[in-house]
Amino acid sequence: MSTAITFDTLKFVETLKASGFDEAQSKGMAAAIQEVQKANLDGLATKEDIREVKRDIKELELRIAAELARLRWGMAVTVGGVMALVIKTFLPHG
């Protein structure tokens, strides 16, 4: 997706000509500005790019949360098992 920013080249050329530039100079400057503008815009993220990144981040957050929940259960089971062994080992058998 490309970002569209309008640049009125005719108005720019006319403004330069009114300031003393000849037509060839004016058109050359307008073309150069259009090229710079296009080069600078090619690297910009669009709103859709940003929405996509936000969706990806949200999906990643959900996957991390699910993984953490599984890890918590695993830790709870492990701690429970260790506690059972400690209790069995150090408390008198009755």
Foldseek 3Di string as FASTA:
>chain_A
DFDDDDDPLVVQLVVVVVVPDDNVVSNVVSVVVVVVVRVVRVPDDDPVNVVVVVVVVVVVVVVVVVVVVVVVVVVVVVVVVVVVVVCVVPPDDD
